[in-house]
Amino acid sequence: MLDEQNFRKLSEEALEQLKRALENAGDTYEFEVDSNQGALTVEFDDPPARFVVSPNAPVRQIWVSARVKSFKLDWDDARSAFVFPADGRDLKQLMAGVISEQLGEAITL
């Protein structure tokens, strides 16, 4: 397991990369991205929805709340990424998937 300092560094980097990708996609697909106190929020107008991506330092995971589901991603050393253990998607792939479901069209981050 990562120590807290490494987790904070890696999660901050992952969320910053995700934020940039989401901001680029948001311009095309018309959703808003905001960061506040280390968490990212993605908001949609039609249909209305709010997704939250946040680090959870005590358990060394990144948590995603989207489409009435919760996803808990663990750090994968081999992939150098936070990964959802149930299906192997990394953070960007997972977010692209839930946003695609929300919008009803496939997007790539």
PDB file of N, CA and C in Angstrom:
ATOM      1  N   MET A   1       0.849  -1.190   0.000  1.00  0.00           N
ATOM      2  CA  MET A   1       0.000   0.000   0.000  1.00  0.00           C
ATOM      3  C   MET A   1       0.889   1.246   0.000  1.00  0.00           C
ATOM      4  N   LEU A   2       0.421   2.266  -0.684  1.00  0.00           N
ATOM      5  CA  LEU A   2       1.143   3.532  -0.724  1.00  0.00           C
ATOM      6  C   LEU A   2       1.151   4.179   0.658  1.00  0.00           C
ATOM      7  N   ASP A   3       2.230   4.896   0.960  1.00  0.00           N
ATOM      8  CA  ASP A   3       2.165   5.712   2.174  1.00  0.00           C
ATOM      9  C   ASP A   3       1.382   6.980   1.825  1.00  0.00           C
ATOM     10  N   GLU A   4       0.977   7.716   2.842  1.00  0.00           N
ATOM     11  CA  GLU A   4       0.090   8.860   2.624  1.00  0.00           C
ATOM     12  C   GLU A   4       0.724   9.926   1.729  1.00  0.00           C
ATOM     13  N   GLN A   5       1.995  10.192   1.920  1.00  0.00           N
ATOM     14  CA  GLN A   5       2.664  11.221   1.118  1.00  0.00           C
ATOM     15  C   GLN A   5       2.672  10.836  -0.367  1.00  0.00           C
ATOM     16  N   ASN A   6       3.030   9.594  -0.677  1.00  0.00           N
ATOM     17  CA  ASN A   6       3.017   9.140  -2.071  1.00  0.00           C
ATOM     18  C   ASN A   6       1.599   9.128  -2.636  1.00  0.00           C
ATOM     19  N   PHE A   7       0.632   8.707  -1.823  1.00  0.00           N
ATOM     20  CA  PHE A   7      -0.749   8.715  -2.286  1.00  0.00           C
ATOM     21  C   PHE A   7      -1.179  10.129  -2.651  1.00  0.00           C
ATOM     22  N   ARG A   8      -0.882  11.082  -1.786  1.00  0.00           N
ATOM     23  CA  ARG A   8      -1.296  12.466  -2.064  1.00  0.00           C
ATOM     24  C   ARG A   8      -0.678  12.972  -3.363  1.00  0.00           C
ATOM     25  N   LYS A   9       0.607  12.701  -3.556  1.00  0.00           N
ATOM     26  CA  LYS A   9       1.295  13.133  -4.774  1.00  0.00           C
ATOM     27  C   LYS A   9       0.669  12.490  -6.009  1.00  0.00           C
ATOM     28  N   LEU A  10       0.511  11.176  -5.979  1.00  0.00           N
ATOM     29  CA  LEU A  10      -0.031  10.456  -7.131  1.00  0.00           C
ATOM     30  C   LEU A  10      -1.486  10.818  -7.410  1.00  0.00           C
ATOM     31  N   SER A  11      -2.281  10.978  -6.366  1.00  0.00           N
ATOM     32  CA  SER A  11      -3.691  11.315  -6.569  1.00  0.00           C
ATOM     33  C   SER A  11      -3.834  12.742  -7.092  1.00  0.00           C
ATOM     34  N   GLU A  12      -3.016  13.663  -6.608  1.00  0.00           N
ATOM     35  CA  GLU A  12      -3.060  15.041  -7.119  1.00  0.00           C
ATOM     36  C   GLU A  12      -2.693  15.074  -8.602  1.00  0.00           C
ATOM     37  N   GLU A  13      -1.663  14.326  -8.982  1.00  0.00           N
ATOM     38  CA  GLU A  13      -1.261  14.264 -10.394  1.00  0.00           C
ATOM     39  C   GLU A  13      -2.376  13.659 -11.243  1.00  0.00           C
ATOM     40  N   ALA A  14      -2.967  12.571 -10.768  1.00  0.00           N
ATOM     41  CA  ALA A  14      -4.037  11.897 -11.521  1.00  0.00           C
ATOM     42  C   ALA A  14      -5.245  12.809 -11.689  1.00  0.00           C
ATOM     43  N   LEU A  15      -5.619  13.518 -10.628  1.00  0.00           N
ATOM     44  CA  LEU A  15      -6.778  14.403 -10.706  1.00  0.00           C
ATOM     45  C   LEU A  15      -6.499  15.613 -11.585  1.00  0.00           C
ATOM     46  N   GLU A  16      -5.271  16.114 -11.575  1.00  0.00           N
ATOM     47  CA  GLU A  16      -4.922  17.239 -12.448  1.00  0.00           C
ATOM     48  C   GLU A  16      -4.974  16.814 -13.915  1.00  0.00           C
ATOM     49  N   GLN A  17      -4.445  15.643 -14.234  1.00  0.00           N
ATOM     50  CA  GLN A  17      -4.517  15.133 -15.615  1.00  0.00           C
ATOM     51  C   GLN A  17      -5.974  14.915 -16.029  1.00  0.00           C
ATOM     52  N   LEU A  18      -6.764  14.357 -15.137  1.00  0.00           N
ATOM     53  CA  LEU A  18      -8.178  14.136 -15.427  1.00  0.00           C
ATOM     54  C   LEU A  18      -8.888  15.464 -15.643  1.00  0.00           C
ATOM     55  N   LYS A  19      -8.600  16.434 -14.810  1.00  0.00           N
ATOM     56  CA  LYS A  19      -9.229  17.752 -14.929  1.00  0.00           C
ATOM     57  C   LYS A  19      -8.967  18.358 -16.305  1.00  0.00           C
ATOM     58  N   ARG A  20      -7.710  18.312 -16.762  1.00  0.00           N
ATOM     59  CA  ARG A  20      -7.387  18.864 -18.082  1.00  0.00           C
ATOM     60  C   ARG A  20      -8.161  18.131 -19.181  1.00  0.00           C
ATOM     61  N   ALA A  21      -8.209  16.813 -19.099  1.00  0.00           N
ATOM     62  CA  ALA A  21      -8.940  16.027 -20.109  1.00  0.00           C
ATOM     63  C   ALA A  21     -10.434  16.354 -20.076  1.00  0.00           C
ATOM     64  N   LEU A  22     -10.992  16.476 -18.869  1.00  0.00           N
ATOM     65  CA  LEU A  22     -12.409  16.793 -18.736  1.00  0.00           C
ATOM     66  C   LEU A  22     -12.721  18.197 -19.245  1.00  0.00           C
ATOM     67  N   GLU A  23     -11.848  19.157 -18.971  1.00  0.00           N
ATOM     68  CA  GLU A  23     -12.077  20.521 -19.453  1.00  0.00           C
ATOM     69  C   GLU A  23     -12.097  20.553 -20.979  1.00  0.00           C
ATOM     70  N   ASN A  24     -11.190  19.836 -21.614  1.00  0.00           N
ATOM     71  CA  ASN A  24     -11.179  19.770 -23.076  1.00  0.00           C
ATOM     72  C   ASN A  24     -12.462  19.136 -23.601  1.00  0.00           C
ATOM     73  N   ALA A  25     -12.867  18.030 -23.005  1.00  0.00           N
ATOM     74  CA  ALA A  25     -14.091  17.346 -23.443  1.00  0.00           C
ATOM     75  C   ALA A  25     -15.332  18.168 -23.111  1.00  0.00           C
ATOM     76  N   GLY A  26     -15.306  18.880 -22.005  1.00  0.00           N
ATOM     77  CA  GLY A  26     -16.457  19.682 -21.585  1.00  0.00           C
ATOM     78  C   GLY A  26     -16.811  20.763 -22.586  1.00  0.00           C
ATOM     79  N   ASP A  27     -15.804  21.316 -23.239  1.00  0.00           N
ATOM     80  CA  ASP A  27     -16.064  22.336 -24.263  1.00  0.00           C
ATOM     81  C   ASP A  27     -16.842  21.737 -25.428  1.00  0.00           C
ATOM     82  N   THR A  28     -16.513  20.512 -25.786  1.00  0.00           N
ATOM     83  CA  THR A  28     -17.173  19.836 -26.913  1.00  0.00           C
ATOM     84  C   THR A  28     -18.547  19.300 -26.528  1.00  0.00           C
ATOM     85  N   TYR A  29     -18.638  18.675 -25.351  1.00  0.00           N
ATOM     86  CA  TYR A  29     -19.859  17.961 -24.963  1.00  0.00           C
ATOM     87  C   TYR A  29     -20.738  18.723 -23.982  1.00  0.00           C
ATOM     88  N   GLU A  30     -20.366  19.946 -23.689  1.00  0.00           N
ATOM     89  CA  GLU A  30     -21.187  20.850 -22.880  1.00  0.00           C
ATOM     90  C   GLU A  30     -21.490  20.340 -21.475  1.00  0.00           C
ATOM     91  N   PHE A  31     -20.413  20.134 -20.710  1.00  0.00           N
ATOM     92  CA  PHE A  31     -20.556  19.909 -19.276  1.00  0.00           C
ATOM     93  C   PHE A  31     -19.488  20.749 -18.588  1.00  0.00           C
ATOM     94  N   GLU A  32     -19.706  21.029 -17.317  1.00  0.00           N
ATOM     95  CA  GLU A  32     -18.823  21.895 -16.537  1.00  0.00           C
ATOM     96  C   GLU A  32     -17.945  21.067 -15.606  1.00  0.00           C
ATOM     97  N   VAL A  33     -16.715  21.522 -15.427  1.00  0.00           N
ATOM     98  CA  VAL A  33     -15.765  20.870 -14.529  1.00  0.00           C
ATOM     99  C   VAL A  33     -15.284  21.902 -13.521  1.00  0.00           C
ATOM    100  N   ASP A  34     -15.258  21.522 -12.261  1.00  0.00           N
ATOM    101  CA  ASP A  34     -14.794  22.426 -11.209  1.00  0.00           C
ATOM    102  C   ASP A  34     -13.946  21.627 -10.224  1.00  0.00           C
ATOM    103  N   SER A  35     -12.947  22.282  -9.673  1.00  0.00           N
ATOM    104  CA  SER A  35     -12.172  21.619  -8.614  1.00  0.00           C
ATOM    105  C   SER A  35     -12.280  22.458  -7.351  1.00  0.00           C
ATOM    106  N   ASN A  36     -12.418  21.751  -6.231  1.00  0.00           N
ATOM    107  CA  ASN A  36     -12.587  22.424  -4.956  1.00  0.00           C
ATOM    108  C   ASN A  36     -12.036  21.522  -3.856  1.00  0.00           C
ATOM    109  N   GLN A  37     -11.054  22.013  -3.138  1.00  0.00           N
ATOM    110  CA  GLN A  37     -10.454  21.299  -2.010  1.00  0.00           C
ATOM    111  C   GLN A  37     -10.014  19.887  -2.384  1.00  0.00           C
ATOM    112  N   GLY A  38      -9.379  19.754  -3.551  1.00  0.00           N
ATOM    113  CA  GLY A  38      -8.827  18.472  -3.966  1.00  0.00           C
ATOM    114  C   GLY A  38      -9.776  17.543  -4.684  1.00  0.00           C
ATOM    115  N   ALA A  39     -11.045  17.910  -4.797  1.00  0.00           N
ATOM    116  CA  ALA A  39     -12.036  17.073  -5.481  1.00  0.00           C
ATOM    117  C   ALA A  39     -12.444  17.726  -6.799  1.00  0.00           C
ATOM    118  N   LEU A  40     -12.841  16.901  -7.749  1.00  0.00           N
ATOM    119  CA  LEU A  40     -13.369  17.393  -9.022  1.00  0.00           C
ATOM    120  C   LEU A  40     -14.869  17.151  -9.059  1.00  0.00           C
ATOM    121  N   THR A  41     -15.587  18.098  -9.627  1.00  0.00           N
ATOM    122  CA  THR A  41     -17.014  17.961  -9.828  1.00  0.00           C
ATOM    123  C   THR A  41     -17.299  18.151 -11.314  1.00  0.00           C
ATOM    124  N   VAL A  42     -18.098  17.261 -11.868  1.00  0.00           N
ATOM    125  CA  VAL A  42     -18.526  17.362 -13.261  1.00  0.00           C
ATOM    126  C   VAL A  42     -20.042  17.526 -13.229  1.00  0.00           C
ATOM    127  N   GLU A  43     -20.531  18.625 -13.841  1.00  0.00           N
ATOM    128  CA  GLU A  43     -21.966  18.903 -13.794  1.00  0.00           C
ATOM    129  C   GLU A  43     -22.548  18.962 -15.201  1.00  0.00           C
ATOM    130  N   PHE A  44     -23.730  18.365 -15.323  1.00  0.00           N
ATOM    131  CA  PHE A  44     -24.446  18.306 -16.587  1.00  0.00           C
ATOM    132  C   PHE A  44     -25.774  19.026 -16.438  1.00  0.00           C
ATOM    133  N   ASP A  45     -26.196  19.715 -17.501  1.00  0.00           N
ATOM    134  CA  ASP A  45     -27.485  20.408 -17.476  1.00  0.00           C
ATOM    135  C   ASP A  45     -28.628  19.543 -17.978  1.00  0.00           C
ATOM    136  N   ASP A  46     -28.379  18.755 -19.033  1.00  0.00           N
ATOM    137  CA  ASP A  46     -29.474  18.028 -19.666  1.00  0.00           C
ATOM    138  C   ASP A  46     -29.057  16.626 -20.044  1.00  0.00           C
ATOM    139  N   PRO A  47     -29.493  15.602 -19.340  1.00  0.00           N
ATOM    140  CA  PRO A  47     -30.250  15.691 -18.089  1.00  0.00           C
ATOM    141  C   PRO A  47     -29.340  16.108 -16.937  1.00  0.00           C
ATOM    142  N   PRO A  48     -29.905  16.748 -15.940  1.00  0.00           N
ATOM    143  CA  PRO A  48     -29.093  17.231 -14.823  1.00  0.00           C
ATOM    144  C   PRO A  48     -28.437  16.092 -14.034  1.00  0.00           C
ATOM    145  N   ALA A  49     -27.174  16.276 -13.742  1.00  0.00           N
ATOM    146  CA  ALA A  49     -26.439  15.287 -12.947  1.00  0.00           C
ATOM    147  C   ALA A  49     -25.163  15.929 -12.438  1.00  0.00           C
ATOM    148  N   ARG A  50     -24.620  15.314 -11.399  1.00  0.00           N
ATOM    149  CA  ARG A  50     -23.370  15.797 -10.801  1.00  0.00           C
ATOM    150  C   ARG A  50     -22.531  14.585 -10.424  1.00  0.00           C
ATOM    151  N   PHE A  51     -21.313  14.535 -10.962  1.00  0.00           N
ATOM    152  CA  PHE A  51     -20.373  13.467 -10.640  1.00  0.00           C
ATOM    153  C   PHE A  51     -19.263  14.065  -9.786  1.00  0.00           C
ATOM    154  N   VAL A  52     -18.775  13.317  -8.814  1.00  0.00           N
ATOM    155  CA  VAL A  52     -17.709  13.799  -7.938  1.00  0.00           C
ATOM    156  C   VAL A  52     -16.562  12.784  -7.943  1.00  0.00           C
ATOM    157  N   VAL A  53     -15.349  13.304  -8.090  1.00  0.00           N
ATOM    158  CA  VAL A  53     -14.132  12.493  -8.057  1.00  0.00           C
ATOM    159  C   VAL A  53     -13.273  13.044  -6.933  1.00  0.00           C
ATOM    160  N   SER A  54     -12.950  12.212  -5.942  1.00  0.00           N
ATOM    161  CA  SER A  54     -12.197  12.727  -4.799  1.00  0.00           C
ATOM    162  C   SER A  54     -11.224  11.692  -4.254  1.00  0.00           C
ATOM    163  N   PRO A  55     -10.091  12.181  -3.759  1.00  0.00           N
ATOM    164  CA  PRO A  55      -9.142  11.274  -3.117  1.00  0.00           C
ATOM    165  C   PRO A  55      -9.630  10.929  -1.712  1.00  0.00           C
ATOM    166  N   ASN A  56      -9.348   9.703  -1.293  1.00  0.00           N
ATOM    167  CA  ASN A  56      -9.672   9.281   0.063  1.00  0.00           C
ATOM    168  C   ASN A  56      -8.382   8.753   0.680  1.00  0.00           C
ATOM    169  N   ALA A  57      -7.647   9.663   1.327  1.00  0.00           N
ATOM    170  CA  ALA A  57      -6.313   9.347   1.836  1.00  0.00           C
ATOM    171  C   ALA A  57      -6.284   8.204   2.852  1.00  0.00           C
ATOM    172  N   PRO A  58      -7.222   8.107   3.801  1.00  0.00           N
ATOM    173  CA  PRO A  58      -7.128   7.041   4.787  1.00  0.00           C
ATOM    174  C   PRO A  58      -7.086   5.633   4.178  1.00  0.00           C
ATOM    175  N   VAL A  59      -7.792   5.432   3.055  1.00  0.00           N
ATOM    176  CA  VAL A  59      -7.800   4.111   2.426  1.00  0.00           C
ATOM    177  C   VAL A  59      -6.974   4.082   1.135  1.00  0.00           C
ATOM    178  N   ARG A  60      -6.339   5.208   0.797  1.00  0.00           N
ATOM    179  CA  ARG A  60      -5.445   5.323  -0.381  1.00  0.00           C
ATOM    180  C   ARG A  60      -6.171   4.971  -1.677  1.00  0.00           C
ATOM    181  N   GLN A  61      -7.371   5.514  -1.836  1.00  0.00           N
ATOM    182  CA  GLN A  61      -8.160   5.279  -3.034  1.00  0.00           C
ATOM    183  C   GLN A  61      -8.668   6.606  -3.600  1.00  0.00           C
ATOM    184  N   ILE A  62      -9.002   6.583  -4.880  1.00  0.00           N
ATOM    185  CA  ILE A  62      -9.769   7.676  -5.479  1.00  0.00           C
ATOM    186  C   ILE A  62     -11.186   7.156  -5.624  1.00  0.00           C
ATOM    187  N   TRP A  63     -12.136   7.943  -5.128  1.00  0.00           N
ATOM    188  CA  TRP A  63     -13.533   7.552  -5.173  1.00  0.00           C
ATOM    189  C   TRP A  63     -14.251   8.382  -6.223  1.00  0.00           C
ATOM    190  N   VAL A  64     -15.090   7.720  -6.993  1.00  0.00           N
ATOM    191  CA  VAL A  64     -15.910   8.376  -8.004  1.00  0.00           C
ATOM    192  C   VAL A  64     -17.363   8.080  -7.683  1.00  0.00           C
ATOM    193  N   SER A  65     -18.159   9.129  -7.594  1.00  0.00           N
ATOM    194  CA  SER A  65     -19.591   8.993  -7.411  1.00  0.00           C
ATOM    195  C   SER A  65     -20.247   9.497  -8.691  1.00  0.00           C
ATOM    196  N   ALA A  66     -20.897   8.577  -9.426  1.00  0.00           N
ATOM    197  CA  ALA A  66     -21.489   8.944 -10.710  1.00  0.00           C
ATOM    198  C   ALA A  66     -22.636   8.002 -11.039  1.00  0.00           C
ATOM    199  N   ARG A  67     -23.741   8.575 -11.505  1.00  0.00           N
ATOM    200  CA  ARG A  67     -24.879   7.777 -11.964  1.00  0.00           C
ATOM    201  C   ARG A  67     -25.350   6.808 -10.878  1.00  0.00           C
ATOM    202  N   VAL A  68     -25.557   7.316  -9.701  1.00  0.00           N
ATOM    203  CA  VAL A  68     -25.999   6.582  -8.515  1.00  0.00           C
ATOM    204  C   VAL A  68     -25.144   5.356  -8.209  1.00  0.00           C
ATOM    205  N   LYS A  69     -23.895   5.407  -8.600  1.00  0.00           N
ATOM    206  CA  LYS A  69     -22.946   4.346  -8.283  1.00  0.00           C
ATOM    207  C   LYS A  69     -21.712   4.959  -7.636  1.00  0.00           C
ATOM    208  N   SER A  70     -20.998   4.113  -6.926  1.00  0.00           N
ATOM    209  CA  SER A  70     -19.734   4.530  -6.331  1.00  0.00           C
ATOM    210  C   SER A  70     -18.645   3.592  -6.834  1.00  0.00           C
ATOM    211  N   PHE A  71     -17.535   4.181  -7.255  1.00  0.00           N
ATOM    212  CA  PHE A  71     -16.401   3.420  -7.758  1.00  0.00           C
ATOM    213  C   PHE A  71     -15.189   3.746  -6.895  1.00  0.00           C
ATOM    214  N   LYS A  72     -14.482   2.743  -6.447  1.00  0.00           N
ATOM    215  CA  LYS A  72     -13.301   2.948  -5.599  1.00  0.00           C
ATOM    216  C   LYS A  72     -12.090   2.410  -6.345  1.00  0.00           C
ATOM    217  N   LEU A  73     -11.184   3.315  -6.722  1.00  0.00           N
ATOM    218  CA  LEU A  73     -10.029   2.962  -7.540  1.00  0.00           C
ATOM    219  C   LEU A  73      -8.776   2.874  -6.687  1.00  0.00           C
ATOM    220  N   ASP A  74      -8.009   1.819  -6.919  1.00  0.00           N
ATOM    221  CA  ASP A  74      -6.755   1.578  -6.210  1.00  0.00           C
ATOM    222  C   ASP A  74      -5.575   1.893  -7.122  1.00  0.00           C
ATOM    223  N   TRP A  75      -4.449   2.236  -6.510  1.00  0.00           N
ATOM    224  CA  TRP A  75      -3.231   2.469  -7.271  1.00  0.00           C
ATOM    225  C   TRP A  75      -2.688   1.139  -7.797  1.00  0.00           C
ATOM    226  N   ASP A  76      -2.327   1.114  -9.066  1.00  0.00           N
ATOM    227  CA  ASP A  76      -1.738  -0.064  -9.702  1.00  0.00           C
ATOM    228  C   ASP A  76      -0.323   0.307 -10.133  1.00  0.00           C
ATOM    229  N   ASP A  77       0.683  -0.221  -9.419  1.00  0.00           N
ATOM    230  CA  ASP A  77       2.085   0.098  -9.737  1.00  0.00           C
ATOM    231  C   ASP A  77       2.447  -0.280 -11.165  1.00  0.00           C
ATOM    232  N   ALA A  78       1.999  -1.448 -11.612  1.00  0.00           N
ATOM    233  CA  ALA A  78       2.365  -1.939 -12.940  1.00  0.00           C
ATOM    234  C   ALA A  78       1.867  -1.006 -14.042  1.00  0.00           C
ATOM    235  N   ARG A  79       0.706  -0.391 -13.830  1.00  0.00           N
ATOM    236  CA  ARG A  79       0.123   0.503 -14.850  1.00  0.00           C
ATOM    237  C   ARG A  79       0.383   1.966 -14.549  1.00  0.00           C
ATOM    238  N   SER A  80       0.933   2.243 -13.367  1.00  0.00           N
ATOM    239  CA  SER A  80       1.144   3.634 -12.928  1.00  0.00           C
ATOM    240  C   SER A  80      -0.142   4.441 -13.062  1.00  0.00           C
ATOM    241  N   ALA A  81      -1.215   3.880 -12.531  1.00  0.00           N
ATOM    242  CA  ALA A  81      -2.521   4.526 -12.649  1.00  0.00           C
ATOM    243  C   ALA A  81      -3.441   4.034 -11.536  1.00  0.00           C
ATOM    244  N   PHE A  82      -4.468   4.843 -11.259  1.00  0.00           N
ATOM    245  CA  PHE A  82      -5.536   4.402 -10.366  1.00  0.00           C
ATOM    246  C   PHE A  82      -6.511   3.593 -11.207  1.00  0.00           C
ATOM    247  N   VAL A  83      -6.845   2.385 -10.722  1.00  0.00           N
ATOM    248  CA  VAL A  83      -7.607   1.422 -11.508  1.00  0.00           C
ATOM    249  C   VAL A  83      -8.801   0.907 -10.689  1.00  0.00           C
ATOM    250  N   PHE A  84      -9.933   0.724 -11.369  1.00  0.00           N
ATOM    251  CA  PHE A  84     -11.117   0.134 -10.752  1.00  0.00           C
ATOM    252  C   PHE A  84     -10.959  -1.378 -10.815  1.00  0.00           C
ATOM    253  N   PRO A  85     -10.753  -2.048  -9.664  1.00  0.00           N
ATOM    254  CA  PRO A  85     -10.419  -3.478  -9.669  1.00  0.00           C
ATOM    255  C   PRO A  85     -11.465  -4.378 -10.323  1.00  0.00           C
ATOM    256  N   ALA A  86     -12.724  -4.000 -10.282  1.00  0.00           N
ATOM    257  CA  ALA A  86     -13.783  -4.867 -10.802  1.00  0.00           C
ATOM    258  C   ALA A  86     -13.669  -5.112 -12.303  1.00  0.00           C
ATOM    259  N   ASP A  87     -13.172  -4.112 -13.062  1.00  0.00           N
ATOM    260  CA  ASP A  87     -13.111  -4.298 -14.514  1.00  0.00           C
ATOM    261  C   ASP A  87     -11.799  -3.823 -15.149  1.00  0.00           C
ATOM    262  N   GLY A  88     -10.877  -3.297 -14.332  1.00  0.00           N
ATOM    263  CA  GLY A  88      -9.568  -2.922 -14.851  1.00  0.00           C
ATOM    264  C   GLY A  88      -9.493  -1.571 -15.535  1.00  0.00           C
ATOM    265  N   ARG A  89     -10.590  -0.812 -15.549  1.00  0.00           N
ATOM    266  CA  ARG A  89     -10.543   0.511 -16.174  1.00  0.00           C
ATOM    267  C   ARG A  89      -9.733   1.465 -15.302  1.00  0.00           C
ATOM    268  N   ASP A  90      -8.914   2.305 -15.953  1.00  0.00           N
ATOM    269  CA  ASP A  90      -8.211   3.338 -15.197  1.00  0.00           C
ATOM    270  C   ASP A  90      -9.154   4.532 -15.018  1.00  0.00           C
ATOM    271  N   LEU A  91      -8.693   5.535 -14.303  1.00  0.00           N
ATOM    272  CA  LEU A  91      -9.550   6.672 -13.939  1.00  0.00           C
ATOM    273  C   LEU A  91     -10.137   7.357 -15.173  1.00  0.00           C
ATOM    274  N   LYS A  92      -9.329   7.634 -16.185  1.00  0.00           N
ATOM    275  CA  LYS A  92      -9.847   8.301 -17.389  1.00  0.00           C
ATOM    276  C   LYS A  92     -10.843   7.415 -18.130  1.00  0.00           C
ATOM    277  N   GLN A  93     -10.542   6.129 -18.237  1.00  0.00           N
ATOM    278  CA  GLN A  93     -11.459   5.215 -18.923  1.00  0.00           C
ATOM    279  C   GLN A  93     -12.792   5.123 -18.186  1.00  0.00           C
ATOM    280  N   LEU A  94     -12.736   5.043 -16.867  1.00  0.00           N
ATOM    281  CA  LEU A  94     -13.949   4.968 -16.071  1.00  0.00           C
ATOM    282  C   LEU A  94     -14.781   6.225 -16.259  1.00  0.00           C
ATOM    283  N   MET A  95     -14.137   7.387 -16.170  1.00  0.00           N
ATOM    284  CA  MET A  95     -14.872   8.647 -16.329  1.00  0.00           C
ATOM    285  C   MET A  95     -15.438   8.785 -17.736  1.00  0.00           C
ATOM    286  N   ALA A  96     -14.680   8.388 -18.745  1.00  0.00           N
ATOM    287  CA  ALA A  96     -15.197   8.437 -20.119  1.00  0.00           C
ATOM    288  C   ALA A  96     -16.438   7.555 -20.237  1.00  0.00           C
ATOM    289  N   GLY A  97     -16.416   6.399 -19.583  1.00  0.00           N
ATOM    290  CA  GLY A  97     -17.557   5.486 -19.623  1.00  0.00           C
ATOM    291  C   GLY A  97     -18.804   6.053 -18.970  1.00  0.00           C
ATOM    292  N   VAL A  98     -18.671   6.590 -17.760  1.00  0.00           N
ATOM    293  CA  VAL A  98     -19.864   7.108 -17.065  1.00  0.00           C
ATOM    294  C   VAL A  98     -20.373   8.386 -17.724  1.00  0.00           C
ATOM    295  N   ILE A  99     -19.469   9.201 -18.269  1.00  0.00           N
ATOM    296  CA  ILE A  99     -19.908  10.408 -18.985  1.00  0.00           C
ATOM    297  C   ILE A  99     -20.603  10.009 -20.287  1.00  0.00           C
ATOM    298  N   SER A 100     -20.078   9.008 -20.979  1.00  0.00           N
ATOM    299  CA  SER A 100     -20.728   8.519 -22.202  1.00  0.00           C
ATOM    300  C   SER A 100     -22.145   8.032 -21.897  1.00  0.00           C
ATOM    301  N   GLU A 101     -22.305   7.300 -20.788  1.00  0.00           N
ATOM    302  CA  GLU A 101     -23.642   6.843 -20.376  1.00  0.00           C
ATOM    303  C   GLU A 101     -24.561   8.035 -20.117  1.00  0.00           C
ATOM    304  N   GLN A 102     -24.041   9.046 -19.436  1.00  0.00           N
ATOM    305  CA  GLN A 102     -24.827  10.227 -19.101  1.00  0.00           C
ATOM    306  C   GLN A 102     -25.266  10.968 -20.361  1.00  0.00           C
ATOM    307  N   LEU A 103     -24.357  11.118 -21.320  1.00  0.00           N
ATOM    308  CA  LEU A 103     -24.651  11.896 -22.524  1.00  0.00           C
ATOM    309  C   LEU A 103     -25.347  11.088 -23.610  1.00  0.00           C
ATOM    310  N   GLY A 104     -25.289   9.767 -23.510  1.00  0.00           N
ATOM    311  CA  GLY A 104     -25.889   8.936 -24.532  1.00  0.00           C
ATOM    312  C   GLY A 104     -25.072   8.871 -25.803  1.00  0.00           C
ATOM    313  N   GLU A 105     -23.800   9.212 -25.718  1.00  0.00           N
ATOM    314  CA  GLU A 105     -22.889   9.112 -26.872  1.00  0.00           C
ATOM    315  C   GLU A 105     -21.477   8.870 -26.367  1.00  0.00           C
ATOM    316  N   ALA A 106     -20.703   8.131 -27.142  1.00  0.00           N
ATOM    317  CA  ALA A 106     -19.350   7.752 -26.725  1.00  0.00           C
ATOM    318  C   ALA A 106     -18.414   8.953 -26.757  1.00  0.00           C
ATOM    319  N   ILE A 107     -17.656   9.118 -25.688  1.00  0.00           N
ATOM    320  CA  ILE A 107     -16.618  10.149 -25.654  1.00  0.00           C
ATOM    321  C   ILE A 107     -15.294   9.487 -25.257  1.00  0.00           C
ATOM    322  N   THR A 108     -14.218  10.179 -25.563  1.00  0.00           N
ATOM    323  CA  THR A 108     -12.876   9.728 -25.191  1.00  0.00           C
ATOM    324  C   THR A 108     -12.219  10.837 -24.410  1.00  0.00           C
ATOM    325  N   LEU A 109     -11.500  10.467 -23.367  1.00  0.00           N
ATOM    326  CA  LEU A 109     -10.749  11.473 -22.597  1.00  0.00           C
ATOM    327  C   LEU A 109      -9.266  11.280 -22.847  1.00  0.00           C
TER     328      LEU A 109
END
